[in-house]
Amino acid sequence: MKLVFHKYQGTGNDFVMVDNRSLKWVPTTAQVAHLCDRKRGVGADGLILIQTHREYDFEMVYFNSDGSKSLCGNGSRCAIHFAHSLQIIGNETIFLTTDGVHKGSIHDDQVSFELFDVASITSYGDDQFINTGSPHYISFRNNIEKLDVFEEGKEIRYDERFSPDGTNVNFVEIMNDSSISVRTYERGVEDETLSCGTGVTAAALGASVKGILSPVTINTLGGVLKVTYEKGEKGFQKIYLSGPATPVFEGRLEI
């Protein structure tokens, strides 16, 4: 089978994107791993399929590089951009992905994705656990640029508290009263990624206990994202992740 693909990146979080509306391709775990392999394949943090849906503008099917599925914030933003380029949507959209139905928009170079409400934050001392569609552990640190994110992140990711599925791990540094820096060990990729959309969103919500309130600017290794939200008695609502989504190249390969 000859596969036409598009490579996208959102603040360094990169994806192989496939228009699957007519192919109806169901990739195997081995195929996902091969496409995402940075030595023998295209190279990416994940694979995204854009498919038709009877009720919504489109369906986004997301695979981590190990073949597992989860919600992906930056992947969703890239999917919105790709769907717009395919003329499936205009500037606004409602689409289906791993954890349900979401809204999104694209205006100039900024793509926004609305996440589900978050009712609560679980505390582990000064650290936190927040589910923003994917599970995230938040650890507040200083000088995160010097941190061994791979080793420390892997240890927390496989901690028995989060068994059997594990968790993503975010190391967060408060920069000033409106911005934070975040480095993420991402479950499913099993390594540090340059950016993680659901992770920076969890970090922004968690930083509210430190006095950092919406809108929050988040600095990642791959670029700058923004998170906005409303906070009330029932937790966090109207949560939006915004930032650039960039097509990199397109190609064909046999799978």
Foldseek 3Di string as FASTA:
>chain_A
DKFWWFWKDFLQQIETEGACAPVVDDDDLVRLLQQCDPPRHVHGQWYWYWYPDDPWLTEIEIAGNRRDGFDFQLVVQLVVVVCVVVVSDPQKTWYAYDPGIWIWGDDDQKIKTWFAFWQDWADDDLWIWTCRRFIEIEAEDPPCVPDPCLVVQVVQQVPPVQPPQGHKYWYWYDDDQAEIEIWIQDPSSSGTTQDTQSHVLVVQLSCVVVNRAPFHWYQGNSGIKTWGWDQDNRGTHRIMIMGGMGTDGMDMDDD
